[in-house]
N, C-alpha and C. Protein backbone atom coordinates (compact mmCIF):
# COMPACT_ATOMS: atom_id res chain seq x y z
N MET A 1 32.32 -13.38 0.13
CA MET A 1 31.95 -12.21 -0.60
C MET A 1 32.70 -10.96 -0.35
N ASP A 2 33.23 -10.13 -1.50
CA ASP A 2 34.51 -9.23 -0.97
C ASP A 2 33.36 -8.28 -0.91
N GLY A 3 34.30 -6.87 -0.52
CA GLY A 3 33.49 -5.66 0.29
C GLY A 3 32.61 -5.14 -1.00
N ASP A 4 33.11 -4.98 -2.65
CA ASP A 4 32.06 -4.69 -3.73
C ASP A 4 30.91 -5.13 -3.52
N SER A 5 31.05 -6.47 -3.64
CA SER A 5 30.04 -7.19 -4.09
C SER A 5 29.04 -7.30 -2.58
N ALA A 6 29.25 -6.91 -1.76
CA ALA A 6 28.71 -6.76 -0.32
C ALA A 6 27.81 -5.40 -0.48
N GLU A 7 28.50 -4.59 -0.88
CA GLU A 7 28.05 -3.20 -0.75
C GLU A 7 27.05 -2.83 -1.92
N SER A 8 27.20 -3.74 -2.98
CA SER A 8 26.38 -4.16 -4.29
C SER A 8 25.23 -4.55 -3.61
N GLU A 9 25.12 -5.66 -3.04
CA GLU A 9 24.08 -6.32 -2.52
C GLU A 9 22.96 -5.65 -1.44
N ARG A 10 23.89 -4.88 -0.57
CA ARG A 10 23.26 -3.77 0.46
C ARG A 10 22.41 -2.91 -0.60
N PHE A 11 23.08 -2.72 -1.55
CA PHE A 11 22.32 -1.02 -2.19
C PHE A 11 21.22 -1.98 -3.08
N VAL A 12 21.27 -3.06 -3.70
CA VAL A 12 20.24 -3.65 -4.31
C VAL A 12 19.06 -4.06 -3.10
N ARG A 13 19.39 -4.75 -2.00
CA ARG A 13 18.38 -4.82 -0.91
C ARG A 13 17.66 -3.69 -0.51
N ALA A 14 18.46 -2.44 -0.13
CA ALA A 14 18.00 -1.32 -0.26
C ALA A 14 17.00 -0.53 -1.10
N ALA A 15 17.43 -0.72 -2.60
CA ALA A 15 16.28 -0.28 -3.46
C ALA A 15 15.54 -0.99 -3.65
N MET A 16 15.28 -2.23 -2.98
CA MET A 16 13.71 -3.25 -3.34
C MET A 16 13.15 -3.06 -2.24
N LEU A 17 13.97 -2.53 -0.91
CA LEU A 17 12.91 -2.27 -0.09
C LEU A 17 12.19 -0.91 -0.64
N GLY A 18 13.19 0.22 -0.74
CA GLY A 18 12.53 1.20 -1.12
C GLY A 18 11.14 1.19 -2.12
N VAL A 19 11.21 0.21 -2.93
CA VAL A 19 10.40 0.07 -4.01
C VAL A 19 9.24 -0.46 -3.07
N ALA A 20 9.49 -1.27 -2.54
CA ALA A 20 8.41 -2.07 -1.66
C ALA A 20 7.39 -1.31 -0.81
N VAL A 21 8.18 -0.21 -0.28
CA VAL A 21 7.56 0.80 0.87
C VAL A 21 6.83 1.91 -0.09
N ALA A 22 7.59 2.18 -1.34
CA ALA A 22 6.44 3.04 -2.29
C ALA A 22 5.34 2.39 -2.76
N GLU A 23 5.57 0.95 -3.04
CA GLU A 23 4.33 0.42 -3.58
C GLU A 23 3.21 0.03 -2.66
N GLU A 24 3.60 -0.03 -1.11
CA GLU A 24 2.60 -0.42 -0.20
C GLU A 24 1.91 0.89 0.26
N THR A 25 2.48 2.48 -0.06
CA THR A 25 1.96 3.44 0.46
C THR A 25 1.13 3.70 -0.73
N ARG A 26 1.39 3.52 -2.06
CA ARG A 26 0.47 3.75 -3.18
C ARG A 26 -0.69 2.93 -3.04
N ARG A 27 -0.67 1.53 -2.46
CA ARG A 27 -1.62 0.62 -2.16
C ARG A 27 -2.58 1.27 -1.38
N LEU A 28 -1.99 1.52 -0.13
CA LEU A 28 -2.62 2.08 0.93
C LEU A 28 -3.72 3.43 0.50
N LEU A 29 -3.01 4.37 -0.36
CA LEU A 29 -3.72 5.54 -1.02
C LEU A 29 -4.66 5.15 -2.14
N ARG A 30 -4.34 4.09 -2.59
CA ARG A 30 -5.35 3.59 -4.05
C ARG A 30 -6.41 3.06 -3.23
N LEU A 31 -6.54 2.61 -2.00
CA LEU A 31 -7.82 1.88 -0.96
C LEU A 31 -8.55 2.87 -0.80
N HIS A 32 -7.98 4.09 -0.43
CA HIS A 32 -8.88 4.95 0.07
C HIS A 32 -9.21 6.47 -1.02
N PHE A 33 -8.58 5.88 -1.98
CA PHE A 33 -9.08 6.73 -2.98
C PHE A 33 -10.57 7.12 -4.25
N SER A 34 -10.86 8.16 -4.12
CA SER A 34 -12.18 7.68 -4.98
C SER A 34 -12.10 8.94 -6.16
N PRO A 35 -12.44 8.64 -7.51
CA PRO A 35 -12.09 9.67 -8.40
C PRO A 35 -13.15 11.08 -7.95
N SER A 36 -13.98 11.12 -7.16
CA SER A 36 -14.75 12.49 -7.47
C SER A 36 -13.95 13.49 -6.10
N GLU A 37 -12.52 12.72 -5.74
CA GLU A 37 -11.91 13.76 -4.88
C GLU A 37 -10.49 14.21 -5.65
N VAL A 38 -10.82 14.71 -7.34
CA VAL A 38 -9.69 15.27 -7.82
C VAL A 38 -10.20 16.62 -8.09
N GLY A 39 -9.59 17.49 -7.51
CA GLY A 39 -9.73 19.06 -7.75
C GLY A 39 -9.44 19.78 -9.10
N ALA A 40 -10.40 20.85 -9.19
CA ALA A 40 -10.07 21.35 -10.48
C ALA A 40 -8.69 21.70 -10.82
N ASP A 41 -7.88 21.82 -9.69
CA ASP A 41 -6.28 22.14 -10.26
C ASP A 41 -5.64 20.84 -10.80
N GLY A 42 -6.12 19.59 -10.73
CA GLY A 42 -5.94 18.47 -10.98
C GLY A 42 -5.10 17.96 -9.76
N ARG A 43 -4.87 18.47 -8.46
CA ARG A 43 -4.74 17.47 -7.39
C ARG A 43 -5.70 16.79 -6.37
N VAL A 44 -5.18 15.47 -6.01
CA VAL A 44 -5.90 14.67 -5.72
C VAL A 44 -6.12 14.79 -4.14
N HIS A 45 -7.18 14.64 -3.37
CA HIS A 45 -7.19 14.72 -2.15
C HIS A 45 -7.67 13.21 -1.37
N VAL A 46 -6.84 12.63 -0.61
CA VAL A 46 -7.15 11.39 -0.19
C VAL A 46 -7.06 11.15 1.02
N GLU A 47 -8.34 11.21 1.78
CA GLU A 47 -8.51 10.68 3.34
C GLU A 47 -8.15 9.38 3.85
N VAL A 48 -7.07 9.35 4.55
CA VAL A 48 -6.85 7.98 4.48
C VAL A 48 -7.17 7.95 6.45
N PRO A 49 -7.97 7.21 6.59
CA PRO A 49 -8.46 6.64 7.73
C PRO A 49 -7.24 5.85 9.03
N TYR A 50 -7.27 6.27 10.19
CA TYR A 50 -6.62 5.53 10.95
C TYR A 50 -6.77 4.22 11.25
N PRO A 51 -5.89 2.98 11.02
CA PRO A 51 -4.46 3.14 11.71
C PRO A 51 -3.70 3.36 10.06
N ASP A 52 -4.31 3.31 9.00
CA ASP A 52 -3.68 3.58 8.02
C ASP A 52 -2.71 4.85 7.85
N SER A 53 -3.90 5.80 8.38
CA SER A 53 -3.09 6.98 8.34
C SER A 53 -1.88 7.37 8.98
N ALA A 54 -1.86 6.37 10.09
CA ALA A 54 -0.26 6.19 10.87
C ALA A 54 0.83 5.95 10.12
N VAL A 55 0.55 4.91 9.45
CA VAL A 55 1.68 4.31 8.38
C VAL A 55 2.05 5.11 7.43
N VAL A 56 1.17 5.83 6.75
CA VAL A 56 1.43 6.78 5.58
C VAL A 56 2.31 7.74 6.20
N GLU A 57 2.07 8.19 7.30
CA GLU A 57 2.43 9.65 7.93
C GLU A 57 3.92 9.02 8.27
N ALA A 58 4.05 7.84 9.12
CA ALA A 58 5.65 7.68 9.28
C ALA A 58 6.17 7.30 8.06
N VAL A 59 5.68 6.47 7.19
CA VAL A 59 6.47 6.47 5.76
C VAL A 59 6.94 7.61 4.99
N LEU A 60 5.95 8.67 5.10
CA LEU A 60 6.31 10.07 4.29
C LEU A 60 7.39 10.62 5.25
N ASP A 61 7.20 10.54 6.66
CA ASP A 61 8.37 11.48 7.48
C ASP A 61 9.64 10.60 7.08
N VAL A 62 9.81 9.57 7.15
CA VAL A 62 11.30 8.56 6.96
C VAL A 62 11.31 9.00 5.37
N ALA A 63 10.52 8.64 4.38
CA ALA A 63 10.96 9.20 2.87
C ALA A 63 11.63 10.69 3.17
N ALA A 64 11.04 11.54 3.63
CA ALA A 64 11.25 13.09 3.35
C ALA A 64 13.04 13.23 4.13
N GLU A 65 12.92 12.89 4.83
CA GLU A 65 14.42 12.54 5.33
C GLU A 65 15.51 11.89 4.12
N CYS A 66 15.08 10.41 3.89
CA CYS A 66 15.87 9.67 2.88
C CYS A 66 16.06 10.85 1.74
N PHE A 67 15.10 11.41 1.33
CA PHE A 67 14.98 12.22 -0.29
C PHE A 67 15.66 13.69 0.08
N GLY A 68 15.58 14.00 1.62
CA GLY A 68 16.33 15.35 1.98
C GLY A 68 15.40 16.34 1.17
N GLU A 69 14.10 16.08 1.47
CA GLU A 69 12.66 16.90 0.85
C GLU A 69 12.71 18.24 2.07
N LYS A 70 12.86 19.34 1.69
CA LYS A 70 12.70 20.36 2.45
C LYS A 70 11.62 21.31 2.05
N GLY A 71 10.74 21.68 3.15
CA GLY A 71 9.63 22.39 3.13
C GLY A 71 9.13 23.41 4.12
N ALA A 72 8.18 24.34 4.06
CA ALA A 72 8.00 25.65 4.98
C ALA A 72 7.22 24.88 6.29
N SER A 73 6.53 23.43 6.09
CA SER A 73 6.03 22.69 6.85
C SER A 73 5.94 21.38 6.67
N ILE A 74 5.66 20.45 7.69
CA ILE A 74 5.65 18.97 7.44
C ILE A 74 4.77 18.44 6.55
N GLU A 75 4.02 19.32 6.46
CA GLU A 75 2.89 18.83 5.30
C GLU A 75 3.53 18.73 4.03
N GLU A 76 4.24 20.16 3.72
CA GLU A 76 4.78 20.37 2.46
C GLU A 76 6.17 19.18 2.13
N MET A 77 6.60 18.94 3.38
CA MET A 77 7.48 18.08 3.43
C MET A 77 6.87 16.34 3.15
N ARG A 78 6.03 16.04 3.47
CA ARG A 78 5.62 15.28 3.20
C ARG A 78 4.87 14.66 1.94
N GLN A 79 4.33 16.05 1.09
CA GLN A 79 3.92 15.91 -0.29
C GLN A 79 5.06 15.85 -1.11
N ALA A 80 6.19 16.29 -0.78
CA ALA A 80 7.42 16.10 -1.92
C ALA A 80 7.91 14.59 -1.59
N ALA A 81 7.97 14.20 -0.21
CA ALA A 81 8.22 12.95 -0.33
C ALA A 81 7.19 12.13 -1.12
N LEU A 82 6.12 12.31 -0.75
CA LEU A 82 4.78 11.25 -1.40
C LEU A 82 5.01 11.30 -3.05
N ASP A 83 5.25 12.53 -3.33
CA ASP A 83 5.52 12.78 -4.88
C ASP A 83 6.97 12.19 -5.50
N SER A 84 7.92 11.49 -4.71
CA SER A 84 9.13 10.74 -4.96
C SER A 84 8.57 9.40 -4.82
N LEU A 85 8.04 9.24 -3.67
CA LEU A 85 7.70 7.80 -3.51
C LEU A 85 6.42 7.16 -4.76
N LEU A 86 5.38 8.06 -5.18
CA LEU A 86 4.83 7.81 -6.05
C LEU A 86 5.69 7.72 -7.26
N GLN A 87 6.56 8.33 -7.64
CA GLN A 87 7.57 8.19 -8.81
C GLN A 87 8.04 6.60 -8.88
N LEU A 88 8.77 6.27 -7.78
CA LEU A 88 9.55 4.97 -7.68
C LEU A 88 8.20 3.89 -8.03
N ALA A 89 7.18 4.23 -7.86
CA ALA A 89 6.06 3.30 -7.87
C ALA A 89 4.91 2.98 -9.17
N GLU A 90 5.64 3.66 -10.04
CA GLU A 90 4.89 3.94 -11.34
C GLU A 90 4.69 2.57 -12.02
N PHE A 91 4.52 1.53 -11.69
CA PHE A 91 4.55 0.61 -12.63
C PHE A 91 3.06 -0.22 -12.91
N ASP A 92 2.12 0.14 -12.17
CA ASP A 92 0.89 -0.16 -12.56
C ASP A 92 -0.07 0.89 -13.20
N GLU A 93 0.08 0.37 -14.56
CA GLU A 93 -0.89 1.53 -15.61
C GLU A 93 -2.41 1.47 -15.30
N GLU A 94 -2.64 0.51 -14.81
CA GLU A 94 -4.00 0.55 -14.43
C GLU A 94 -4.63 1.12 -13.20
N SER A 95 -3.36 1.55 -12.12
CA SER A 95 -3.89 2.58 -11.09
C SER A 95 -4.90 3.47 -11.26
N LEU A 96 -5.47 3.92 -10.60
CA LEU A 96 -6.56 5.18 -10.69
C LEU A 96 -5.72 6.37 -10.25
N LEU A 97 -4.50 5.84 -9.45
CA LEU A 97 -3.62 6.88 -8.92
C LEU A 97 -2.73 7.59 -10.10
N ASN A 98 -2.93 6.84 -11.24
CA ASN A 98 -2.03 7.01 -12.49
C ASN A 98 -2.94 7.80 -13.71
N ARG A 99 -4.30 7.93 -13.64
CA ARG A 99 -5.30 8.39 -14.52
C ARG A 99 -5.11 10.06 -14.39
N PRO A 100 -5.62 10.71 -15.55
CA PRO A 100 -5.06 11.90 -15.24
C PRO A 100 -6.33 12.33 -15.03
N ALA A 101 -6.07 13.69 -14.36
CA ALA A 101 -7.52 14.59 -13.63
C ALA A 101 -8.64 14.73 -14.58
N CYS A 102 -9.60 14.75 -14.45
CA CYS A 102 -10.74 14.79 -15.17
C CYS A 102 -11.42 16.30 -15.13
């Protein structure tokens, strides 16, 4: 395998891993999501209990570094990373997380 094809292979594997992480994060959020938690402003609050919350926090911290998200607080950085991850995971049109706010 030459250098270019090895680099391409690593890029494809990294992209697949990124999508898999995005999908797993989305699955965890969907698991704990209930439609009554949609606010008047369209924001959704999802309470994720431990141990799933530890996984989601770790993924969002890594994603914030990966996507270079900046914010005034760690929560803003995590929210920006979550937005990016969910954009990567928009494959399931039936997902409650894709439905517009009521």
